Amino acid sequence: MSKIPRRQWRTSAPKQMRARQLRHDQTESEALLWEQLRGRRLDGWKFRRQHPVDRFIVDFYCAEQRLVIEVDGSIHTQAEQAAYDVERSLLLQAAGYRLLRFSNEQVCHEMPMVLHTIRATLATGE
């Protein structure tokens, strides 16, 4: 019986380097949320930060649930960036990913609500 080779997804070297740079240059709100998610601290779920998903690099990703979490700063309120975010969200959702967006302010000042929303989304598994 022959083994079916597992398809290996490879991320391009430039995208890997960009993801590494984003991990190094994380924002304060990303660092705060990462402290809650890293090392399976949130109910045992494994998250990655600044992880390549499809053609994008997302802030946080739970592969088991195909859940993407984005933390948006003030730049995301500008019209051009907001339009890009909507398109990006639609493309990720069309590819089968679930998406949660939180503002920097929510992460910094409403962490219990942010974690509750993430837990509720993970619990539904939809």
N, C-alpha and C. Protein backbone atom coordinates (compact mmCIF):
# COMPACT_ATOMS: atom_id res chain seq x y z
N MET A 1 0.84 -1.17 0.00
CA MET A 1 0.00 0.00 0.00
C MET A 1 0.89 1.24 0.00
N SER A 2 0.74 2.08 -1.00
CA SER A 2 1.60 3.27 -1.08
C SER A 2 1.01 4.41 -0.29
N LYS A 3 1.91 5.21 0.22
CA LYS A 3 1.50 6.38 0.97
C LYS A 3 1.16 7.51 0.02
N ILE A 4 0.08 8.20 0.32
CA ILE A 4 -0.27 9.39 -0.46
C ILE A 4 0.57 10.54 0.08
N PRO A 5 1.35 11.18 -0.77
CA PRO A 5 2.20 12.26 -0.26
C PRO A 5 1.34 13.42 0.24
N ARG A 6 1.71 13.94 1.37
CA ARG A 6 1.03 15.09 1.94
C ARG A 6 1.49 16.33 1.21
N ARG A 7 0.56 17.14 0.81
CA ARG A 7 0.92 18.36 0.09
C ARG A 7 1.51 19.37 1.07
N GLN A 8 2.67 19.82 0.75
CA GLN A 8 3.35 20.79 1.58
C GLN A 8 3.09 22.19 1.03
N TRP A 9 2.56 23.04 1.87
CA TRP A 9 2.35 24.42 1.48
C TRP A 9 3.62 25.18 1.81
N ARG A 10 4.13 25.83 0.84
CA ARG A 10 5.36 26.60 1.04
C ARG A 10 5.03 28.09 0.90
N THR A 11 5.55 28.82 1.82
CA THR A 11 5.41 30.27 1.78
C THR A 11 6.68 30.81 1.16
N SER A 12 6.53 31.80 0.30
CA SER A 12 7.71 32.37 -0.36
C SER A 12 8.65 32.98 0.67
N ALA A 13 9.91 33.01 0.33
CA ALA A 13 10.92 33.57 1.23
C ALA A 13 10.63 35.04 1.58
N PRO A 14 10.24 35.88 0.61
CA PRO A 14 9.94 37.27 0.98
C PRO A 14 8.77 37.38 1.97
N LYS A 15 7.75 36.53 1.80
CA LYS A 15 6.61 36.57 2.72
C LYS A 15 7.02 36.07 4.11
N GLN A 16 7.88 35.06 4.16
CA GLN A 16 8.39 34.57 5.45
C GLN A 16 9.17 35.66 6.16
N MET A 17 10.00 36.38 5.40
CA MET A 17 10.80 37.46 5.99
C MET A 17 9.89 38.58 6.49
N ARG A 18 8.85 38.91 5.72
CA ARG A 18 7.92 39.97 6.12
C ARG A 18 7.17 39.56 7.39
N ALA A 19 6.73 38.30 7.47
CA ALA A 19 6.05 37.82 8.67
C ALA A 19 6.97 37.90 9.88
N ARG A 20 8.21 37.50 9.70
CA ARG A 20 9.20 37.57 10.78
C ARG A 20 9.39 39.01 11.24
N GLN A 21 9.46 39.94 10.30
CA GLN A 21 9.62 41.36 10.65
C GLN A 21 8.40 41.87 11.41
N LEU A 22 7.20 41.47 10.97
CA LEU A 22 5.98 41.90 11.66
C LEU A 22 5.92 41.35 13.08
N ARG A 23 6.40 40.13 13.28
CA ARG A 23 6.44 39.57 14.64
C ARG A 23 7.40 40.38 15.51
N HIS A 24 8.49 40.82 14.93
CA HIS A 24 9.48 41.61 15.66
C HIS A 24 8.95 43.00 15.99
N ASP A 25 8.17 43.58 15.08
CA ASP A 25 7.69 44.96 15.22
C ASP A 25 6.22 45.03 15.64
N GLN A 26 5.78 44.11 16.48
CA GLN A 26 4.36 44.08 16.84
C GLN A 26 3.95 45.33 17.61
N THR A 27 2.67 45.67 17.50
CA THR A 27 2.13 46.82 18.21
C THR A 27 1.87 46.45 19.66
N GLU A 28 1.62 47.45 20.48
CA GLU A 28 1.33 47.20 21.89
C GLU A 28 0.08 46.32 22.05
N SER A 29 -0.95 46.61 21.27
CA SER A 29 -2.17 45.82 21.40
C SER A 29 -1.97 44.38 20.91
N GLU A 30 -1.17 44.19 19.86
CA GLU A 30 -0.85 42.84 19.40
C GLU A 30 -0.08 42.08 20.49
N ALA A 31 0.85 42.76 21.16
CA ALA A 31 1.62 42.12 22.22
C ALA A 31 0.72 41.72 23.39
N LEU A 32 -0.25 42.59 23.74
CA LEU A 32 -1.17 42.28 24.83
C LEU A 32 -2.03 41.06 24.49
N LEU A 33 -2.55 41.01 23.28
CA LEU A 33 -3.38 39.87 22.90
C LEU A 33 -2.54 38.61 22.78
N TRP A 34 -1.33 38.73 22.26
CA TRP A 34 -0.46 37.57 22.12
C TRP A 34 -0.17 36.94 23.49
N GLU A 35 -0.01 37.76 24.52
CA GLU A 35 0.22 37.23 25.86
C GLU A 35 -0.94 36.35 26.32
N GLN A 36 -2.15 36.62 25.85
CA GLN A 36 -3.32 35.83 26.23
C GLN A 36 -3.47 34.57 25.38
N LEU A 37 -2.93 34.60 24.15
CA LEU A 37 -3.12 33.50 23.21
C LEU A 37 -1.95 32.52 23.14
N ARG A 38 -0.75 32.99 23.40
CA ARG A 38 0.45 32.17 23.17
C ARG A 38 0.50 30.96 24.11
N GLY A 39 1.20 29.94 23.65
CA GLY A 39 1.42 28.76 24.47
C GLY A 39 0.13 28.05 24.88
N ARG A 40 -0.86 28.10 24.03
CA ARG A 40 -2.15 27.43 24.30
C ARG A 40 -2.83 27.94 25.57
N ARG A 41 -2.60 29.21 25.90
CA ARG A 41 -3.17 29.78 27.13
C ARG A 41 -4.67 29.97 27.07
N LEU A 42 -5.22 30.10 25.88
CA LEU A 42 -6.66 30.30 25.76
C LEU A 42 -7.33 28.94 25.52
N ASP A 43 -7.70 28.30 26.60
CA ASP A 43 -8.45 27.04 26.57
C ASP A 43 -7.77 25.95 25.74
N GLY A 44 -6.45 25.99 25.65
CA GLY A 44 -5.71 24.94 24.95
C GLY A 44 -5.63 25.10 23.44
N TRP A 45 -6.15 26.18 22.89
CA TRP A 45 -6.10 26.40 21.44
C TRP A 45 -4.74 26.93 21.04
N LYS A 46 -4.20 26.42 19.95
CA LYS A 46 -2.90 26.87 19.45
C LYS A 46 -3.09 28.01 18.46
N PHE A 47 -2.44 29.11 18.73
CA PHE A 47 -2.46 30.27 17.84
C PHE A 47 -1.05 30.56 17.34
N ARG A 48 -0.99 31.10 16.16
CA ARG A 48 0.26 31.62 15.59
C ARG A 48 0.07 33.11 15.38
N ARG A 49 1.15 33.85 15.45
CA ARG A 49 1.03 35.30 15.20
C ARG A 49 1.78 35.67 13.94
N GLN A 50 1.26 36.71 13.27
CA GLN A 50 1.83 37.18 12.01
C GLN A 50 2.14 35.98 11.13
N HIS A 51 1.09 35.26 10.80
CA HIS A 51 1.22 34.00 10.08
C HIS A 51 0.69 34.12 8.66
N PRO A 52 1.42 33.63 7.67
CA PRO A 52 0.92 33.64 6.29
C PRO A 52 -0.30 32.72 6.14
N VAL A 53 -1.39 33.29 5.68
CA VAL A 53 -2.62 32.54 5.39
C VAL A 53 -3.06 32.97 4.00
N ASP A 54 -3.15 31.99 3.12
CA ASP A 54 -3.48 32.28 1.73
C ASP A 54 -2.44 33.26 1.21
N ARG A 55 -2.87 34.38 0.66
CA ARG A 55 -1.86 35.33 0.15
C ARG A 55 -1.59 36.48 1.11
N PHE A 56 -2.12 36.36 2.32
CA PHE A 56 -2.01 37.44 3.31
C PHE A 56 -1.17 36.98 4.49
N ILE A 57 -0.75 37.96 5.29
CA ILE A 57 -0.15 37.68 6.59
C ILE A 57 -1.15 38.22 7.60
N VAL A 58 -1.68 37.32 8.43
CA VAL A 58 -2.71 37.71 9.39
C VAL A 58 -2.09 37.88 10.76
N ASP A 59 -2.74 38.68 11.60
CA ASP A 59 -2.19 38.96 12.93
C ASP A 59 -2.11 37.69 13.78
N PHE A 60 -3.22 36.95 13.88
CA PHE A 60 -3.26 35.73 14.68
C PHE A 60 -4.07 34.69 13.92
N TYR A 61 -3.66 33.42 14.08
CA TYR A 61 -4.32 32.35 13.33
C TYR A 61 -4.39 31.08 14.16
N CYS A 62 -5.58 30.49 14.22
CA CYS A 62 -5.79 29.18 14.84
C CYS A 62 -6.12 28.21 13.71
N ALA A 63 -5.15 27.38 13.34
CA ALA A 63 -5.31 26.47 12.20
C ALA A 63 -6.40 25.44 12.44
N GLU A 64 -6.53 24.94 13.67
CA GLU A 64 -7.53 23.92 13.96
C GLU A 64 -8.94 24.40 13.64
N GLN A 65 -9.19 25.67 13.84
CA GLN A 65 -10.51 26.24 13.63
C GLN A 65 -10.59 27.14 12.39
N ARG A 66 -9.46 27.27 11.68
CA ARG A 66 -9.39 28.18 10.52
C ARG A 66 -9.90 29.58 10.91
N LEU A 67 -9.46 30.01 12.09
CA LEU A 67 -9.89 31.29 12.63
C LEU A 67 -8.76 32.31 12.52
N VAL A 68 -9.07 33.43 11.89
CA VAL A 68 -8.15 34.55 11.73
C VAL A 68 -8.61 35.66 12.66
N ILE A 69 -7.67 36.24 13.40
CA ILE A 69 -7.97 37.38 14.26
C ILE A 69 -7.09 38.54 13.82
N GLU A 70 -7.74 39.66 13.55
CA GLU A 70 -7.03 40.87 13.14
C GLU A 70 -7.21 41.95 14.21
N VAL A 71 -6.14 42.67 14.50
CA VAL A 71 -6.16 43.79 15.42
C VAL A 71 -5.87 45.03 14.60
N ASP A 72 -6.85 45.92 14.55
CA ASP A 72 -6.76 47.08 13.67
C ASP A 72 -6.47 48.37 14.42
N GLY A 73 -5.48 49.12 13.93
CA GLY A 73 -5.14 50.42 14.48
C GLY A 73 -5.89 51.52 13.75
N SER A 74 -5.50 52.74 14.03
CA SER A 74 -6.20 53.91 13.48
C SER A 74 -6.08 54.00 11.96
N ILE A 75 -5.03 53.43 11.37
CA ILE A 75 -4.88 53.48 9.92
C ILE A 75 -6.04 52.76 9.22
N HIS A 76 -6.65 51.80 9.90
CA HIS A 76 -7.72 51.01 9.29
C HIS A 76 -9.02 51.78 9.15
N THR A 77 -9.07 53.01 9.69
CA THR A 77 -10.27 53.83 9.53
C THR A 77 -10.18 54.71 8.28
N GLN A 78 -9.00 54.81 7.69
CA GLN A 78 -8.84 55.59 6.47
C GLN A 78 -9.54 54.85 5.32
N ALA A 79 -10.16 55.61 4.43
CA ALA A 79 -11.01 55.04 3.39
C ALA A 79 -10.31 53.98 2.55
N GLU A 80 -9.10 54.25 2.10
CA GLU A 80 -8.38 53.31 1.24
C GLU A 80 -8.07 52.01 1.99
N GLN A 81 -7.60 52.13 3.21
CA GLN A 81 -7.28 50.94 4.01
C GLN A 81 -8.55 50.18 4.38
N ALA A 82 -9.62 50.91 4.70
CA ALA A 82 -10.88 50.25 5.06
C ALA A 82 -11.41 49.44 3.88
N ALA A 83 -11.30 49.97 2.68
CA ALA A 83 -11.74 49.24 1.48
C ALA A 83 -10.89 47.98 1.27
N TYR A 84 -9.59 48.10 1.48
CA TYR A 84 -8.70 46.95 1.36
C TYR A 84 -9.06 45.88 2.40
N ASP A 85 -9.35 46.32 3.64
CA ASP A 85 -9.71 45.39 4.70
C ASP A 85 -10.98 44.62 4.37
N VAL A 86 -11.96 45.30 3.80
CA VAL A 86 -13.22 44.65 3.42
C VAL A 86 -12.95 43.60 2.34
N GLU A 87 -12.17 43.96 1.33
CA GLU A 87 -11.84 43.02 0.25
C GLU A 87 -11.07 41.82 0.81
N ARG A 88 -10.12 42.09 1.65
CA ARG A 88 -9.31 41.03 2.26
C ARG A 88 -10.20 40.10 3.09
N SER A 89 -11.10 40.67 3.88
CA SER A 89 -12.01 39.87 4.69
C SER A 89 -12.88 38.98 3.82
N LEU A 90 -13.42 39.54 2.76
CA LEU A 90 -14.27 38.75 1.86
C LEU A 90 -13.50 37.62 1.21
N LEU A 91 -12.26 37.87 0.78
CA LEU A 91 -11.45 36.83 0.17
C LEU A 91 -11.12 35.71 1.16
N LEU A 92 -10.79 36.08 2.39
CA LEU A 92 -10.48 35.07 3.40
C LEU A 92 -11.73 34.24 3.73
N GLN A 93 -12.87 34.90 3.87
CA GLN A 93 -14.10 34.18 4.17
C GLN A 93 -14.51 33.28 3.01
N ALA A 94 -14.32 33.74 1.80
CA ALA A 94 -14.64 32.92 0.62
C ALA A 94 -13.74 31.68 0.55
N ALA A 95 -12.53 31.78 1.11
CA ALA A 95 -11.60 30.65 1.12
C ALA A 95 -11.85 29.72 2.31
N GLY A 96 -12.87 30.03 3.11
CA GLY A 96 -13.23 29.14 4.21
C GLY A 96 -12.69 29.51 5.57
N TYR A 97 -12.12 30.70 5.70
CA TYR A 97 -11.60 31.14 7.00
C TYR A 97 -12.67 31.95 7.72
N ARG A 98 -12.68 31.84 9.04
CA ARG A 98 -13.54 32.70 9.86
C ARG A 98 -12.68 33.86 10.32
N LEU A 99 -13.29 35.01 10.49
CA LEU A 99 -12.51 36.21 10.75
C LEU A 99 -13.13 37.02 11.89
N LEU A 100 -12.29 37.42 12.82
CA LEU A 100 -12.68 38.35 13.88
C LEU A 100 -11.78 39.57 13.78
N ARG A 101 -12.38 40.74 13.94
CA ARG A 101 -11.61 41.99 13.94
C ARG A 101 -11.87 42.73 15.23
N PHE A 102 -10.78 43.21 15.83
CA PHE A 102 -10.86 44.03 17.03
C PHE A 102 -10.02 45.27 16.81
N SER A 103 -10.43 46.36 17.41
CA SER A 103 -9.62 47.58 17.34
C SER A 103 -8.55 47.52 18.42
N ASN A 104 -7.52 48.35 18.26
CA ASN A 104 -6.48 48.46 19.29
C ASN A 104 -7.11 48.82 20.63
N GLU A 105 -8.08 49.73 20.61
CA GLU A 105 -8.73 50.19 21.83
C GLU A 105 -9.46 49.05 22.54
N GLN A 106 -10.14 48.20 21.77
CA GLN A 106 -10.83 47.06 22.37
C GLN A 106 -9.83 46.13 23.06
N VAL A 107 -8.74 45.84 22.38
CA VAL A 107 -7.74 44.94 22.95
C VAL A 107 -7.12 45.55 24.21
N CYS A 108 -6.82 46.83 24.18
CA CYS A 108 -6.16 47.48 25.31
C CYS A 108 -7.09 47.72 26.50
N HIS A 109 -8.37 48.01 26.23
CA HIS A 109 -9.27 48.43 27.30
C HIS A 109 -10.42 47.47 27.58
N GLU A 110 -10.65 46.51 26.71
CA GLU A 110 -11.78 45.58 26.89
C GLU A 110 -11.34 44.14 26.66
N MET A 111 -10.20 43.77 27.21
CA MET A 111 -9.64 42.43 26.98
C MET A 111 -10.60 41.31 27.38
N PRO A 112 -11.32 41.39 28.51
CA PRO A 112 -12.25 40.30 28.83
C PRO A 112 -13.30 40.08 27.74
N MET A 113 -13.81 41.16 27.16
CA MET A 113 -14.79 41.04 26.09
C MET A 113 -14.16 40.42 24.84
N VAL A 114 -12.94 40.83 24.52
CA VAL A 114 -12.23 40.28 23.36
C VAL A 114 -12.04 38.77 23.54
N LEU A 115 -11.57 38.35 24.69
CA LEU A 115 -11.34 36.93 24.95
C LEU A 115 -12.65 36.15 24.96
N HIS A 116 -13.71 36.75 25.49
CA HIS A 116 -15.02 36.10 25.48
C HIS A 116 -15.50 35.87 24.05
N THR A 117 -15.32 36.87 23.19
CA THR A 117 -15.73 36.75 21.79
C THR A 117 -14.93 35.66 21.08
N ILE A 118 -13.63 35.62 21.34
CA ILE A 118 -12.79 34.59 20.72
C ILE A 118 -13.23 33.20 21.20
N ARG A 119 -13.44 33.07 22.52
CA ARG A 119 -13.87 31.78 23.08
C ARG A 119 -15.21 31.34 22.47
N ALA A 120 -16.14 32.28 22.37
CA ALA A 120 -17.46 31.94 21.82
C ALA A 120 -17.35 31.50 20.37
N THR A 121 -16.49 32.15 19.61
CA THR A 121 -16.29 31.77 18.21
C THR A 121 -15.64 30.40 18.11
N LEU A 122 -14.66 30.13 18.94
CA LEU A 122 -14.02 28.83 18.94
C LEU A 122 -15.00 27.73 19.37
N ALA A 123 -15.87 28.03 20.29
CA ALA A 123 -16.83 27.05 20.80
C ALA A 123 -17.85 26.65 19.74
N THR A 124 -18.21 27.59 18.86
CA THR A 124 -19.20 27.27 17.84
C THR A 124 -18.61 26.38 16.76
N GLY A 125 -17.32 26.56 16.49
CA GLY A 125 -16.64 25.72 15.50
C GLY A 125 -17.24 25.83 14.10
N GLU A 126 -17.95 26.88 13.86
CA GLU A 126 -18.59 27.05 12.53
C GLU A 126 -17.77 27.94 11.64
